[in-house]
């Protein structure tokens, strides 16, 4: 069992929550984590870089002049790559860079990432996390007291517009609903801050991180 400390918004520890490693796969699978991170980063690429080959350059396909009898070197169309304004010889075309993984592999990679953070002591719970009005300064002070002001993910059970507006302008701070997390987003920031209900959703449904959902759904 892993003990996750529970703090209030002042930075005082008020208790802890126990999380069974078996719920998160039992061990950290490094190969699967790398595969998930590479997939996520690759899918951010557009793959739209391109240059025009001779088929895409505008111009006639008529032969410029006859093959023999002119005294000139033989020449084909105006769109050939050896003429100015012609197509590129080895043109770069659009690529479909999309990668995918089976759903259960993505879920297991996410759980491995979270387990690695827990084992490193970089997961905390804030209870209660209540913000009366959207203000960045008190939210940033809370992060500093928790040692998370240099990079963190704040995982909420459901969308909270006041919390989102309070933390969206803080550098290296991501506000996410817990079911939106993936392996890359968990690993890219040093600390993860859960609300109590958000962590309870992870423990109750490690496949989806959704309250009331079945594991693996």
C-alpha atoms as a PDB file:
ATOM      1  CA  UNK A   1       0.000   0.000   0.000  1.00  0.00           C
ATOM      2  CA  UNK A   2       1.137   3.527  -0.792  1.00  0.00           C
ATOM      3  CA  UNK A   3       0.251   6.357   1.569  1.00  0.00           C
ATOM      4  CA  UNK A   4      -0.658   9.558  -0.278  1.00  0.00           C
ATOM      5  CA  UNK A   5      -0.528  12.599   2.029  1.00  0.00           C
ATOM      6  CA  UNK A   6      -3.601  14.805   2.331  1.00  0.00           C
ATOM      7  CA  UNK A   7      -3.123  18.565   2.799  1.00  0.00           C
ATOM      8  CA  UNK A   8      -5.410  21.507   3.207  1.00  0.00           C
ATOM      9  CA  UNK A   9      -5.045  24.641   1.108  1.00  0.00           C
ATOM     10  CA  UNK A  10      -2.813  26.231   3.762  1.00  0.00           C
ATOM     11  CA  UNK A  11      -0.223  23.499   3.242  1.00  0.00           C
ATOM     12  CA  UNK A  12      -0.832  21.606   6.500  1.00  0.00           C
ATOM     13  CA  UNK A  13      -1.003  17.815   6.376  1.00  0.00           C
ATOM     14  CA  UNK A  14      -4.338  16.613   7.704  1.00  0.00           C
ATOM     15  CA  UNK A  15      -4.107  12.892   6.981  1.00  0.00           C
ATOM     16  CA  UNK A  16      -3.347  10.359   4.268  1.00  0.00           C
ATOM     17  CA  UNK A  17      -5.046   8.054   1.786  1.00  0.00           C
ATOM     18  CA  UNK A  18      -3.998   4.481   1.035  1.00  0.00           C
ATOM     19  CA  UNK A  19      -3.696   3.294  -2.553  1.00  0.00           C
ATOM     20  CA  UNK A  20      -3.116  -0.344  -3.436  1.00  0.00           C
ATOM     21  CA  UNK A  21      -0.371  -0.770  -6.066  1.00  0.00           C
ATOM     22  CA  UNK A  22      -2.266  -3.712  -7.545  1.00  0.00           C
ATOM     23  CA  UNK A  23      -5.042  -1.311  -8.562  1.00  0.00           C
ATOM     24  CA  UNK A  24      -2.496   0.486 -10.753  1.00  0.00           C
ATOM     25  CA  UNK A  25      -0.950  -2.617 -12.271  1.00  0.00           C
ATOM     26  CA  UNK A  26       1.420  -3.590  -9.456  1.00  0.00           C
ATOM     27  CA  UNK A  27       4.591  -2.336 -11.127  1.00  0.00           C
ATOM     28  CA  UNK A  28       5.880   0.390 -13.437  1.00  0.00           C
ATOM     29  CA  UNK A  29       6.154  -0.809 -17.052  1.00  0.00           C
ATOM     30  CA  UNK A  30       8.861   1.389 -18.557  1.00  0.00           C
ATOM     31  CA  UNK A  31       8.637   0.010 -22.101  1.00  0.00           C
ATOM     32  CA  UNK A  32       4.904   0.653 -22.200  1.00  0.00           C
ATOM     33  CA  UNK A  33       5.412   4.161 -20.829  1.00  0.00           C
ATOM     34  CA  UNK A  34       7.876   4.980 -23.580  1.00  0.00           C
ATOM     35  CA  UNK A  35       5.505   3.653 -26.219  1.00  0.00           C
ATOM     36  CA  UNK A  36       2.646   5.763 -24.870  1.00  0.00           C
ATOM     37  CA  UNK A  37       4.747   8.941 -24.688  1.00  0.00           C
ATOM     38  CA  UNK A  38       6.148   8.498 -28.214  1.00  0.00           C
ATOM     39  CA  UNK A  39       2.627   7.887 -29.511  1.00  0.00           C
ATOM     40  CA  UNK A  40       1.285  11.059 -27.870  1.00  0.00           C
ATOM     41  CA  UNK A  41       4.145  13.230 -29.128  1.00  0.00           C
ATOM     42  CA  UNK A  42       3.919  11.807 -32.640  1.00  0.00           C
ATOM     43  CA  UNK A  43       0.189  12.487 -32.777  1.00  0.00           C
ATOM     44  CA  UNK A  44       0.857  16.178 -32.107  1.00  0.00           C
ATOM     45  CA  UNK A  45       2.614  16.450 -35.470  1.00  0.00           C
ATOM     46  CA  UNK A  46       0.505  17.653 -38.386  1.00  0.00           C
ATOM     47  CA  UNK A  47       2.439  15.847 -41.103  1.00  0.00           C
ATOM     48  CA  UNK A  48       1.425  18.605 -43.535  1.00  0.00           C
ATOM     49  CA  UNK A  49       4.932  19.695 -44.649  1.00  0.00           C
ATOM     50  CA  UNK A  50       5.130  19.287 -48.414  1.00  0.00           C
ATOM     51  CA  UNK A  51       6.791  20.511 -51.587  1.00  0.00           C
ATOM     52  CA  UNK A  52       5.468  20.306 -55.143  1.00  0.00           C
ATOM     53  CA  UNK A  53       6.636  17.584 -57.472  1.00  0.00           C
ATOM     54  CA  UNK A  54       6.260  17.906 -61.242  1.00  0.00           C
ATOM     55  CA  UNK A  55       2.703  16.573 -61.072  1.00  0.00           C
ATOM     56  CA  UNK A  56       1.630  19.406 -58.744  1.00  0.00           C
ATOM     57  CA  UNK A  57       3.331  22.307 -60.499  1.00  0.00           C
ATOM     58  CA  UNK A  58       1.060  24.391 -62.709  1.00  0.00           C
ATOM     59  CA  UNK A  59       1.997  24.347 -66.360  1.00  0.00           C
ATOM     60  CA  UNK A  60       1.503  22.596 -69.676  1.00  0.00           C
ATOM     61  CA  UNK A  61       2.539  19.015 -70.320  1.00  0.00           C
ATOM     62  CA  UNK A  62       3.360  19.826 -73.951  1.00  0.00           C
ATOM     63  CA  UNK A  63       6.880  19.082 -75.101  1.00  0.00           C
ATOM     64  CA  UNK A  64       8.671  22.435 -75.459  1.00  0.00           C
ATOM     65  CA  UNK A  65      10.107  21.686 -78.899  1.00  0.00           C
ATOM     66  CA  UNK A  66      10.726  18.711 -81.083  1.00  0.00           C
ATOM     67  CA  UNK A  67      13.351  16.171 -80.144  1.00  0.00           C
ATOM     68  CA  UNK A  68      15.670  16.600 -83.154  1.00  0.00           C
ATOM     69  CA  UNK A  69      16.608  19.160 -85.695  1.00  0.00           C
ATOM     70  CA  UNK A  70      16.687  22.319 -83.561  1.00  0.00           C
ATOM     71  CA  UNK A  71      20.289  22.211 -82.398  1.00  0.00           C
ATOM     72  CA  UNK A  72      19.143  22.533 -78.784  1.00  0.00           C
ATOM     73  CA  UNK A  73      19.462  19.965 -76.080  1.00  0.00           C
ATOM     74  CA  UNK A  74      16.445  17.701 -75.947  1.00  0.00           C
ATOM     75  CA  UNK A  75      13.819  18.961 -73.514  1.00  0.00           C
ATOM     76  CA  UNK A  76      10.532  17.690 -72.181  1.00  0.00           C
ATOM     77  CA  UNK A  77       7.838  19.674 -70.370  1.00  0.00           C
ATOM     78  CA  UNK A  78       8.221  23.008 -68.605  1.00  0.00           C
ATOM     79  CA  UNK A  79       7.406  21.301 -65.301  1.00  0.00           C
ATOM     80  CA  UNK A  80      10.538  19.171 -65.226  1.00  0.00           C
ATOM     81  CA  UNK A  81      12.765  19.523 -62.173  1.00  0.00           C
ATOM     82  CA  UNK A  82      15.779  20.801 -64.145  1.00  0.00           C
ATOM     83  CA  UNK A  83      14.000  23.970 -65.239  1.00  0.00           C
ATOM     84  CA  UNK A  84      13.354  27.079 -63.171  1.00  0.00           C
ATOM     85  CA  UNK A  85       9.851  26.976 -61.720  1.00  0.00           C
ATOM     86  CA  UNK A  86       9.587  23.251 -62.230  1.00  0.00           C
ATOM     87  CA  UNK A  87       8.755  20.617 -59.668  1.00  0.00           C
ATOM     88  CA  UNK A  88      11.048  19.282 -56.959  1.00  0.00           C
ATOM     89  CA  UNK A  89      12.870  16.077 -57.881  1.00  0.00           C
ATOM     90  CA  UNK A  90      12.329  14.259 -54.574  1.00  0.00           C
ATOM     91  CA  UNK A  91       9.317  16.146 -53.267  1.00  0.00           C
ATOM     92  CA  UNK A  92       8.209  15.877 -49.664  1.00  0.00           C
ATOM     93  CA  UNK A  93       4.577  14.778 -49.580  1.00  0.00           C
ATOM     94  CA  UNK A  94       1.995  14.828 -46.793  1.00  0.00           C
ATOM     95  CA  UNK A  95       2.339  12.046 -44.250  1.00  0.00           C
ATOM     96  CA  UNK A  96      -0.170  10.363 -42.008  1.00  0.00           C
ATOM     97  CA  UNK A  97       1.870  10.149 -38.797  1.00  0.00           C
ATOM     98  CA  UNK A  98      -1.022   8.983 -36.643  1.00  0.00           C
ATOM     99  CA  UNK A  99      -0.154   6.244 -34.161  1.00  0.00           C
ATOM    100  CA  UNK A 100      -2.467   4.278 -31.930  1.00  0.00           C
ATOM    101  CA  UNK A 101      -2.400   1.789 -29.085  1.00  0.00           C
ATOM    102  CA  UNK A 102      -5.018  -0.642 -27.815  1.00  0.00           C
ATOM    103  CA  UNK A 103      -7.269   0.911 -25.196  1.00  0.00           C
ATOM    104  CA  UNK A 104      -6.136  -1.379 -22.394  1.00  0.00           C
ATOM    105  CA  UNK A 105      -2.482  -0.639 -23.159  1.00  0.00           C
ATOM    106  CA  UNK A 106      -3.149   3.101 -22.878  1.00  0.00           C
ATOM    107  CA  UNK A 107      -4.953   2.571 -19.591  1.00  0.00           C
ATOM    108  CA  UNK A 108      -2.105   0.450 -18.237  1.00  0.00           C
ATOM    109  CA  UNK A 109       0.463   3.045 -19.362  1.00  0.00           C
ATOM    110  CA  UNK A 110      -1.485   5.779 -17.569  1.00  0.00           C
ATOM    111  CA  UNK A 111      -1.644   3.686 -14.403  1.00  0.00           C
ATOM    112  CA  UNK A 112       2.104   2.965 -14.633  1.00  0.00           C
ATOM    113  CA  UNK A 113       2.847   6.675 -14.933  1.00  0.00           C
ATOM    114  CA  UNK A 114       0.712   7.450 -11.895  1.00  0.00           C
ATOM    115  CA  UNK A 115       2.256   4.599  -9.912  1.00  0.00           C
ATOM    116  CA  UNK A 116       5.746   5.910 -10.709  1.00  0.00           C
ATOM    117  CA  UNK A 117       4.754   9.356  -9.426  1.00  0.00           C
ATOM    118  CA  UNK A 118       3.334   7.860  -6.244  1.00  0.00           C
ATOM    119  CA  UNK A 119       6.440   5.796  -5.601  1.00  0.00           C
ATOM    120  CA  UNK A 120       8.552   8.940  -6.017  1.00  0.00           C
ATOM    121  CA  UNK A 121       6.385  10.836  -3.507  1.00  0.00           C
ATOM    122  CA  UNK A 122       5.181  13.366  -6.069  1.00  0.00           C
ATOM    123  CA  UNK A 123       1.438  12.842  -5.589  1.00  0.00           C
ATOM    124  CA  UNK A 124      -0.556  14.769  -2.979  1.00  0.00           C
ATOM    125  CA  UNK A 125      -4.230  15.283  -2.195  1.00  0.00           C
ATOM    126  CA  UNK A 126      -5.751  18.661  -1.341  1.00  0.00           C
ATOM    127  CA  UNK A 127      -8.985  18.426   0.607  1.00  0.00           C
ATOM    128  CA  UNK A 128     -10.975  20.530   0.394  1.00  0.00           C
ATOM    129  CA  UNK A 129      -9.984  22.385  -2.790  1.00  0.00           C
ATOM    130  CA  UNK A 130     -12.444  25.258  -2.805  1.00  0.00           C
ATOM    131  CA  UNK A 131     -11.951  28.627  -4.478  1.00  0.00           C
ATOM    132  CA  UNK A 132     -14.673  31.240  -3.980  1.00  0.00           C
ATOM    133  CA  UNK A 133     -13.723  33.466  -6.896  1.00  0.00           C
ATOM    134  CA  UNK A 134     -11.175  33.192  -9.707  1.00  0.00           C
ATOM    135  CA  UNK A 135      -7.945  34.667  -8.343  1.00  0.00           C
ATOM    136  CA  UNK A 136      -4.483  33.541  -9.365  1.00  0.00           C
ATOM    137  CA  UNK A 137      -2.498  34.798  -6.375  1.00  0.00           C
ATOM    138  CA  UNK A 138      -4.054  32.629  -3.605  1.00  0.00           C
ATOM    139  CA  UNK A 139      -4.014  29.612  -5.909  1.00  0.00           C
ATOM    140  CA  UNK A 140      -0.319  30.146  -6.621  1.00  0.00           C
ATOM    141  CA  UNK A 141       0.384  30.540  -2.896  1.00  0.00           C
ATOM    142  CA  UNK A 142      -1.254  27.167  -2.292  1.00  0.00           C
ATOM    143  CA  UNK A 143       0.950  25.549  -4.942  1.00  0.00           C
ATOM    144  CA  UNK A 144       4.060  27.106  -3.414  1.00  0.00           C
ATOM    145  CA  UNK A 145       3.213  25.772   0.043  1.00  0.00           C
ATOM    146  CA  UNK A 146       2.746  22.307  -1.464  1.00  0.00           C
ATOM    147  CA  UNK A 147       6.067  22.536  -3.320  1.00  0.00           C
ATOM    148  CA  UNK A 148       4.260  22.349  -6.661  1.00  0.00           C
ATOM    149  CA  UNK A 149       4.780  25.868  -7.996  1.00  0.00           C
ATOM    150  CA  UNK A 150       7.503  24.780 -10.425  1.00  0.00           C
ATOM    151  CA  UNK A 151       5.295  22.404 -12.364  1.00  0.00           C
ATOM    152  CA  UNK A 152       2.210  20.365 -11.535  1.00  0.00           C
ATOM    153  CA  UNK A 153      -1.032  18.868 -12.769  1.00  0.00           C
ATOM    154  CA  UNK A 154      -4.174  19.593 -10.768  1.00  0.00           C
ATOM    155  CA  UNK A 155      -6.658  16.738 -11.266  1.00  0.00           C
ATOM    156  CA  UNK A 156     -10.308  17.487 -10.518  1.00  0.00           C
ATOM    157  CA  UNK A 157     -13.244  15.114 -10.327  1.00  0.00           C
ATOM    158  CA  UNK A 158     -15.301  17.338 -12.646  1.00  0.00           C
ATOM    159  CA  UNK A 159     -14.923  20.659 -14.398  1.00  0.00           C
ATOM    160  CA  UNK A 160     -14.674  23.571 -11.977  1.00  0.00           C
ATOM    161  CA  UNK A 161     -14.564  26.889 -13.889  1.00  0.00           C
ATOM    162  CA  UNK A 162     -13.431  28.873 -10.837  1.00  0.00           C
ATOM    163  CA  UNK A 163     -10.447  26.591 -10.154  1.00  0.00           C
ATOM    164  CA  UNK A 164      -9.640  26.478 -13.862  1.00  0.00           C
ATOM    165  CA  UNK A 165      -9.589  30.265 -14.183  1.00  0.00           C
ATOM    166  CA  UNK A 166      -7.506  30.585 -11.010  1.00  0.00           C
ATOM    167  CA  UNK A 167      -4.733  28.317 -12.264  1.00  0.00           C
ATOM    168  CA  UNK A 168      -4.727  28.597 -16.050  1.00  0.00           C
ATOM    169  CA  UNK A 169      -2.287  31.541 -16.156  1.00  0.00           C
ATOM    170  CA  UNK A 170       0.305  29.952 -13.859  1.00  0.00           C
ATOM    171  CA  UNK A 171       3.292  28.684 -15.874  1.00  0.00           C
ATOM    172  CA  UNK A 172       3.767  24.912 -16.039  1.00  0.00           C
ATOM    173  CA  UNK A 173       0.445  24.304 -14.287  1.00  0.00           C
ATOM    174  CA  UNK A 174      -2.216  22.187 -15.970  1.00  0.00           C
ATOM    175  CA  UNK A 175      -5.808  21.966 -14.718  1.00  0.00           C
ATOM    176  CA  UNK A 176      -7.439  18.737 -15.881  1.00  0.00           C
ATOM    177  CA  UNK A 177     -10.416  16.571 -15.130  1.00  0.00           C
ATOM    178  CA  UNK A 178      -9.085  13.291 -13.802  1.00  0.00           C
ATOM    179  CA  UNK A 179     -10.504  11.199 -16.658  1.00  0.00           C
ATOM    180  CA  UNK A 180      -8.669  13.419 -19.183  1.00  0.00           C
ATOM    181  CA  UNK A 181      -5.221  12.460 -17.883  1.00  0.00           C
ATOM    182  CA  UNK A 182      -2.889  10.391 -20.005  1.00  0.00           C
ATOM    183  CA  UNK A 183       0.577   8.961 -19.434  1.00  0.00           C
ATOM    184  CA  UNK A 184       2.366  11.887 -21.081  1.00  0.00           C
ATOM    185  CA  UNK A 185       0.562  14.591 -19.095  1.00  0.00           C
ATOM    186  CA  UNK A 186       1.210  12.747 -15.846  1.00  0.00           C
ATOM    187  CA  UNK A 187       4.929  12.426 -16.568  1.00  0.00           C
ATOM    188  CA  UNK A 188       5.634  15.884 -18.000  1.00  0.00           C
ATOM    189  CA  UNK A 189       5.018  17.734 -14.693  1.00  0.00           C
ATOM    190  CA  UNK A 190       6.856  17.033 -11.464  1.00  0.00           C
ATOM    191  CA  UNK A 191       3.880  16.883  -9.091  1.00  0.00           C
ATOM    192  CA  UNK A 192       0.261  15.806  -9.329  1.00  0.00           C
ATOM    193  CA  UNK A 193      -2.363  17.308  -7.054  1.00  0.00           C
ATOM    194  CA  UNK A 194      -5.637  15.409  -6.693  1.00  0.00           C
ATOM    195  CA  UNK A 195      -8.813  16.347  -4.970  1.00  0.00           C
ATOM    196  CA  UNK A 196     -10.042  13.605  -2.659  1.00  0.00           C
ATOM    197  CA  UNK A 197     -12.914  12.671  -4.958  1.00  0.00           C
ATOM    198  CA  UNK A 198     -10.598  12.583  -7.960  1.00  0.00           C
ATOM    199  CA  UNK A 199      -8.227  10.118  -6.305  1.00  0.00           C
ATOM    200  CA  UNK A 200     -11.176   8.064  -5.097  1.00  0.00           C
ATOM    201  CA  UNK A 201     -12.332   7.850  -8.718  1.00  0.00           C
ATOM    202  CA  UNK A 202      -8.878   6.557  -9.713  1.00  0.00           C
ATOM    203  CA  UNK A 203      -8.947   3.871  -7.022  1.00  0.00           C
ATOM    204  CA  UNK A 204     -12.562   2.903  -7.715  1.00  0.00           C
ATOM    205  CA  UNK A 205     -12.154   2.740 -11.495  1.00  0.00           C
ATOM    206  CA  UNK A 206      -8.476   2.504 -12.543  1.00  0.00           C
ATOM    207  CA  UNK A 207      -9.492   1.776 -16.118  1.00  0.00           C
ATOM    208  CA  UNK A 208     -11.420   4.963 -16.802  1.00  0.00           C
ATOM    209  CA  UNK A 209     -10.826   7.301 -13.835  1.00  0.00           C
ATOM    210  CA  UNK A 210     -14.553   8.026 -13.911  1.00  0.00           C
ATOM    211  CA  UNK A 211     -16.824   7.881 -10.890  1.00  0.00           C
ATOM    212  CA  UNK A 212     -19.260   4.985 -11.141  1.00  0.00           C
ATOM    213  CA  UNK A 213     -17.612   3.495 -14.242  1.00  0.00           C
ATOM    214  CA  UNK A 214     -16.570  -0.123 -14.423  1.00  0.00           C
ATOM    215  CA  UNK A 215     -12.898  -1.004 -14.581  1.00  0.00           C
ATOM    216  CA  UNK A 216     -11.720  -1.341 -18.149  1.00  0.00           C
ATOM    217  CA  UNK A 217     -14.881   0.222 -19.586  1.00  0.00           C
END
